Amino acid sequence: MLYVGKQGRVAHECILDIRAIKSATGVTESDIAKRLMDYGFHAPTVSFPVAGTLMVEPTESENQAELDRFCAAMLAIREEIRRIEHGEWPLDASPLKHAPHTSADLAAEWTRPYSRETAAFPLPWIAANKFWPPVNRIDDVYGDRTLFCACLPMNEDVE
């Protein structure tokens, strides 16, 4: 954690500094954020307010079981990063670089060095309540800079 108080505590939000991991492995904050979607979590804020970090901000309504589930997901993702560090998975063919995984990914021909189960159901409890991202990863910068409006034009009548 990037900022902690005198007692080592944080407020309701914390900034996870992954710059050392990024430097050592090439795994980015976006890779981790997108992989969290495979674990059933909304991707956290990346690189704000500090570049190379994740800002995690559970709401006050999250119960202990949900917080524990998030911690289990983060620990599992750290183990996936270790597999890249140890050369078991090449970075560009890892679940982190291909995340999030869609149902279409699993139905297609599978040529990746990790299993479909690792892609979509990385922890046992996910199968009981799977969230399927509708699309794969997009170019974040392109998506931020290119407006795509799905609204009807203002001159069209709505029935």
C-alpha atoms as a PDB file:
ATOM      1  CA  MET A   1       0.000   0.000   0.000  1.00  0.00           C
ATOM      2  CA  LEU A   2       1.325   3.346  -1.014  1.00  0.00           C
ATOM      3  CA  TYR A   3       0.013   5.498   1.842  1.00  0.00           C
ATOM      4  CA  VAL A   4      -0.600   4.288   5.377  1.00  0.00           C
ATOM      5  CA  GLY A   5      -1.000   6.016   8.707  1.00  0.00           C
ATOM      6  CA  LYS A   6       1.312   5.770  11.723  1.00  0.00           C
ATOM      7  CA  GLN A   7      -0.335   2.512  12.772  1.00  0.00           C
ATOM      8  CA  GLY A   8      -0.094   1.013   9.264  1.00  0.00           C
ATOM      9  CA  ARG A   9      -3.792   1.506   8.594  1.00  0.00           C
ATOM     10  CA  VAL A  10      -5.646   3.005   5.661  1.00  0.00           C
ATOM     11  CA  ALA A  11      -9.008   4.723   5.346  1.00  0.00           C
ATOM     12  CA  HIS A  12     -11.922   3.280   3.369  1.00  0.00           C
ATOM     13  CA  GLU A  13      -9.826   3.434   0.207  1.00  0.00           C
ATOM     14  CA  CYS A  14      -6.260   2.426  -0.401  1.00  0.00           C
ATOM     15  CA  ILE A  15      -3.759   2.703  -3.204  1.00  0.00           C
ATOM     16  CA  LEU A  16      -1.999  -0.510  -4.168  1.00  0.00           C
ATOM     17  CA  ASP A  17       1.402   0.225  -5.679  1.00  0.00           C
ATOM     18  CA  ILE A  18       2.279  -2.358  -8.316  1.00  0.00           C
ATOM     19  CA  ARG A  19       5.127  -0.424  -9.954  1.00  0.00           C
ATOM     20  CA  ALA A  20       7.759  -2.909  -8.706  1.00  0.00           C
ATOM     21  CA  ILE A  21       5.731  -5.822 -10.112  1.00  0.00           C
ATOM     22  CA  LYS A  22       5.324  -3.962 -13.404  1.00  0.00           C
ATOM     23  CA  SER A  23       9.047  -3.294 -13.591  1.00  0.00           C
ATOM     24  CA  ALA A  24       9.960  -6.913 -12.803  1.00  0.00           C
ATOM     25  CA  THR A  25       7.336  -8.723 -14.893  1.00  0.00           C
ATOM     26  CA  GLY A  26       5.659  -6.358 -17.351  1.00  0.00           C
ATOM     27  CA  VAL A  27       2.265  -6.976 -15.697  1.00  0.00           C
ATOM     28  CA  THR A  28       0.467  -3.627 -15.614  1.00  0.00           C
ATOM     29  CA  GLU A  29      -2.131  -2.115 -13.353  1.00  0.00           C
ATOM     30  CA  SER A  30      -4.616  -2.502 -16.224  1.00  0.00           C
ATOM     31  CA  ASP A  31      -3.812  -6.224 -16.500  1.00  0.00           C
ATOM     32  CA  ILE A  32      -4.662  -6.716 -12.837  1.00  0.00           C
ATOM     33  CA  ALA A  33      -7.791  -4.558 -13.074  1.00  0.00           C
ATOM     34  CA  LYS A  34      -9.063  -6.501 -16.105  1.00  0.00           C
ATOM     35  CA  ARG A  35      -8.253  -9.852 -14.482  1.00  0.00           C
ATOM     36  CA  LEU A  36     -10.342  -8.864 -11.464  1.00  0.00           C
ATOM     37  CA  MET A  37     -13.341  -8.919 -13.824  1.00  0.00           C
ATOM     38  CA  ASP A  38     -12.788 -12.672 -14.332  1.00  0.00           C
ATOM     39  CA  TYR A  39     -13.022 -12.996 -10.552  1.00  0.00           C
ATOM     40  CA  GLY A  40     -16.366 -11.171 -10.557  1.00  0.00           C
ATOM     41  CA  PHE A  41     -15.228  -7.710  -9.480  1.00  0.00           C
ATOM     42  CA  HIS A  42     -15.614  -4.351 -11.156  1.00  0.00           C
ATOM     43  CA  ALA A  43     -12.207  -3.141 -12.298  1.00  0.00           C
ATOM     44  CA  PRO A  44     -10.828  -0.585  -9.827  1.00  0.00           C
ATOM     45  CA  THR A  45      -9.520   2.853 -10.702  1.00  0.00           C
ATOM     46  CA  VAL A  46      -6.081   2.612 -12.294  1.00  0.00           C
ATOM     47  CA  SER A  47      -3.242   5.143 -12.205  1.00  0.00           C
ATOM     48  CA  PHE A  48      -5.196   7.714 -10.219  1.00  0.00           C
ATOM     49  CA  PRO A  49      -4.131   9.593  -8.260  1.00  0.00           C
ATOM     50  CA  VAL A  50      -0.714   7.917  -8.748  1.00  0.00           C
ATOM     51  CA  ALA A  51       0.485   6.354 -12.015  1.00  0.00           C
ATOM     52  CA  GLY A  52       1.118   2.593 -11.821  1.00  0.00           C
ATOM     53  CA  THR A  53      -1.325   1.968  -8.985  1.00  0.00           C
ATOM     54  CA  LEU A  54      -4.789   0.568  -8.289  1.00  0.00           C
ATOM     55  CA  MET A  55      -7.177   2.494  -6.073  1.00  0.00           C
ATOM     56  CA  VAL A  56      -9.359   0.059  -4.164  1.00  0.00           C
ATOM     57  CA  GLU A  57     -12.387   1.525  -2.468  1.00  0.00           C
ATOM     58  CA  PRO A  58     -14.868  -0.970  -1.048  1.00  0.00           C
ATOM     59  CA  THR A  59     -18.100   0.614   0.028  1.00  0.00           C
ATOM     60  CA  GLU A  60     -19.105   0.673   3.657  1.00  0.00           C
ATOM     61  CA  SER A  61     -21.913  -1.761   2.852  1.00  0.00           C
ATOM     62  CA  GLU A  62     -19.503  -4.576   1.903  1.00  0.00           C
ATOM     63  CA  ASN A  63     -19.596  -7.356   4.457  1.00  0.00           C
ATOM     64  CA  GLN A  64     -16.599  -9.287   5.744  1.00  0.00           C
ATOM     65  CA  ALA A  65     -17.265 -12.225   3.409  1.00  0.00           C
ATOM     66  CA  GLU A  66     -17.123  -9.941   0.361  1.00  0.00           C
ATOM     67  CA  LEU A  67     -13.917  -8.310   1.563  1.00  0.00           C
ATOM     68  CA  ASP A  68     -12.426 -11.768   2.139  1.00  0.00           C
ATOM     69  CA  ARG A  69     -13.505 -12.801  -1.363  1.00  0.00           C
ATOM     70  CA  PHE A  70     -11.738  -9.757  -2.811  1.00  0.00           C
ATOM     71  CA  CYS A  71      -8.577 -10.533  -0.838  1.00  0.00           C
ATOM     72  CA  ALA A  72      -8.672 -14.145  -2.097  1.00  0.00           C
ATOM     73  CA  ALA A  73      -8.938 -12.868  -5.673  1.00  0.00           C
ATOM     74  CA  MET A  74      -6.003 -10.497  -5.222  1.00  0.00           C
ATOM     75  CA  LEU A  75      -3.876 -13.258  -3.676  1.00  0.00           C
ATOM     76  CA  ALA A  76      -4.763 -15.590  -6.556  1.00  0.00           C
ATOM     77  CA  ILE A  77      -3.825 -12.906  -9.082  1.00  0.00           C
ATOM     78  CA  ARG A  78      -0.496 -12.463  -7.287  1.00  0.00           C
ATOM     79  CA  GLU A  79       0.104 -16.198  -7.709  1.00  0.00           C
ATOM     80  CA  GLU A  80      -0.663 -15.852 -11.433  1.00  0.00           C
ATOM     81  CA  ILE A  81       1.956 -13.111 -11.595  1.00  0.00           C
ATOM     82  CA  ARG A  82       4.434 -15.469  -9.910  1.00  0.00           C
ATOM     83  CA  ARG A  83       3.811 -18.000 -12.684  1.00  0.00           C
ATOM     84  CA  ILE A  84       4.898 -15.323 -15.153  1.00  0.00           C
ATOM     85  CA  GLU A  85       7.919 -14.494 -12.974  1.00  0.00           C
ATOM     86  CA  HIS A  86       8.933 -18.175 -12.905  1.00  0.00           C
ATOM     87  CA  GLY A  87       8.516 -18.596 -16.663  1.00  0.00           C
ATOM     88  CA  GLU A  88       5.529 -20.955 -16.479  1.00  0.00           C
ATOM     89  CA  TRP A  89       3.435 -18.574 -18.604  1.00  0.00           C
ATOM     90  CA  PRO A  90       4.746 -16.068 -21.115  1.00  0.00           C
ATOM     91  CA  LEU A  91       3.422 -12.600 -20.263  1.00  0.00           C
ATOM     92  CA  ASP A  92       1.747 -12.084 -23.640  1.00  0.00           C
ATOM     93  CA  ALA A  93      -0.081 -15.427 -23.407  1.00  0.00           C
ATOM     94  CA  SER A  94      -1.060 -15.206 -19.731  1.00  0.00           C
ATOM     95  CA  PRO A  95      -4.558 -14.929 -18.261  1.00  0.00           C
ATOM     96  CA  LEU A  96      -3.636 -11.413 -17.131  1.00  0.00           C
ATOM     97  CA  LYS A  97      -2.950 -10.168 -20.675  1.00  0.00           C
ATOM     98  CA  HIS A  98      -6.045 -11.878 -22.112  1.00  0.00           C
ATOM     99  CA  ALA A  99      -8.417 -10.748 -19.349  1.00  0.00           C
ATOM    100  CA  PRO A 100     -11.300 -10.364 -19.188  1.00  0.00           C
ATOM    101  CA  HIS A 101     -12.347 -13.698 -20.674  1.00  0.00           C
ATOM    102  CA  THR A 102     -15.756 -13.826 -22.368  1.00  0.00           C
ATOM    103  CA  SER A 103     -18.008 -16.822 -22.931  1.00  0.00           C
ATOM    104  CA  ALA A 104     -17.110 -16.529 -26.636  1.00  0.00           C
ATOM    105  CA  ASP A 105     -13.435 -16.967 -25.717  1.00  0.00           C
ATOM    106  CA  LEU A 106     -14.193 -20.240 -23.973  1.00  0.00           C
ATOM    107  CA  ALA A 107     -16.368 -21.526 -26.819  1.00  0.00           C
ATOM    108  CA  ALA A 108     -13.682 -20.805 -29.433  1.00  0.00           C
ATOM    109  CA  GLU A 109     -10.674 -22.948 -30.267  1.00  0.00           C
ATOM    110  CA  TRP A 110      -8.373 -22.877 -27.241  1.00  0.00           C
ATOM    111  CA  THR A 111      -4.641 -22.485 -27.861  1.00  0.00           C
ATOM    112  CA  ARG A 112      -3.558 -20.684 -24.709  1.00  0.00           C
ATOM    113  CA  PRO A 113      -1.021 -22.172 -22.254  1.00  0.00           C
ATOM    114  CA  TYR A 114      -3.540 -22.054 -19.402  1.00  0.00           C
ATOM    115  CA  SER A 115      -6.844 -23.900 -19.103  1.00  0.00           C
ATOM    116  CA  ARG A 116     -10.313 -22.585 -19.846  1.00  0.00           C
ATOM    117  CA  GLU A 117     -11.090 -23.188 -16.188  1.00  0.00           C
ATOM    118  CA  THR A 118      -8.185 -20.941 -15.161  1.00  0.00           C
ATOM    119  CA  ALA A 119      -9.482 -18.295 -17.558  1.00  0.00           C
ATOM    120  CA  ALA A 120     -13.103 -18.197 -16.440  1.00  0.00           C
ATOM    121  CA  PHE A 121     -13.278 -19.921 -13.057  1.00  0.00           C
ATOM    122  CA  PRO A 122      -9.953 -19.169 -11.354  1.00  0.00           C
ATOM    123  CA  LEU A 123     -11.341 -19.832  -7.854  1.00  0.00           C
ATOM    124  CA  PRO A 124     -13.948 -22.464  -6.924  1.00  0.00           C
ATOM    125  CA  TRP A 125     -16.655 -20.081  -5.699  1.00  0.00           C
ATOM    126  CA  ILE A 126     -16.807 -18.220  -9.020  1.00  0.00           C
ATOM    127  CA  ALA A 127     -18.690 -21.018 -10.813  1.00  0.00           C
ATOM    128  CA  ALA A 128     -21.720 -20.567  -8.562  1.00  0.00           C
ATOM    129  CA  ASN A 129     -22.145 -16.901  -9.477  1.00  0.00           C
ATOM    130  CA  LYS A 130     -20.217 -16.204 -12.677  1.00  0.00           C
ATOM    131  CA  PHE A 131     -20.226 -12.732 -14.207  1.00  0.00           C
ATOM    132  CA  TRP A 132     -19.456 -12.912 -17.921  1.00  0.00           C
ATOM    133  CA  PRO A 133     -17.879  -9.754 -19.308  1.00  0.00           C
ATOM    134  CA  PRO A 134     -19.623  -9.059 -22.637  1.00  0.00           C
ATOM    135  CA  VAL A 135     -16.471  -7.908 -24.437  1.00  0.00           C
ATOM    136  CA  ASN A 136     -12.734  -8.448 -24.288  1.00  0.00           C
ATOM    137  CA  ARG A 137     -10.245  -5.779 -23.440  1.00  0.00           C
ATOM    138  CA  ILE A 138     -10.150  -2.697 -25.597  1.00  0.00           C
ATOM    139  CA  ASP A 139      -7.322  -0.253 -26.104  1.00  0.00           C
ATOM    140  CA  ASP A 140      -7.855   1.932 -23.037  1.00  0.00           C
ATOM    141  CA  VAL A 141      -6.323   5.056 -24.561  1.00  0.00           C
ATOM    142  CA  TYR A 142      -8.322   4.655 -27.766  1.00  0.00           C
ATOM    143  CA  GLY A 143     -11.495   4.106 -25.745  1.00  0.00           C
ATOM    144  CA  ASP A 144     -10.819   7.203 -23.654  1.00  0.00           C
ATOM    145  CA  ARG A 145     -10.144   9.390 -26.665  1.00  0.00           C
ATOM    146  CA  THR A 146     -12.777   8.105 -29.089  1.00  0.00           C
ATOM    147  CA  LEU A 147     -16.349   8.955 -28.193  1.00  0.00           C
ATOM    148  CA  PHE A 148     -18.898   6.358 -29.192  1.00  0.00           C
ATOM    149  CA  CYS A 149     -22.470   7.352 -28.515  1.00  0.00           C
ATOM    150  CA  ALA A 150     -25.084   4.602 -28.541  1.00  0.00           C
ATOM    151  CA  CYS A 151     -27.926   7.082 -28.080  1.00  0.00           C
ATOM    152  CA  LEU A 152     -30.529   7.821 -30.723  1.00  0.00           C
ATOM    153  CA  PRO A 153     -29.909  11.075 -32.616  1.00  0.00           C
ATOM    154  CA  MET A 154     -31.798  14.035 -31.162  1.00  0.00           C
ATOM    155  CA  ASN A 155     -33.889  14.379 -34.335  1.00  0.00           C
ATOM    156  CA  GLU A 156     -35.247  10.793 -34.172  1.00  0.00           C
ATOM    157  CA  ASP A 157     -38.636  10.218 -32.628  1.00  0.00           C
ATOM    158  CA  VAL A 158     -38.868   7.683 -29.858  1.00  0.00           C
ATOM    159  CA  GLU A 159     -42.024   5.628 -29.748  1.00  0.00           C
END
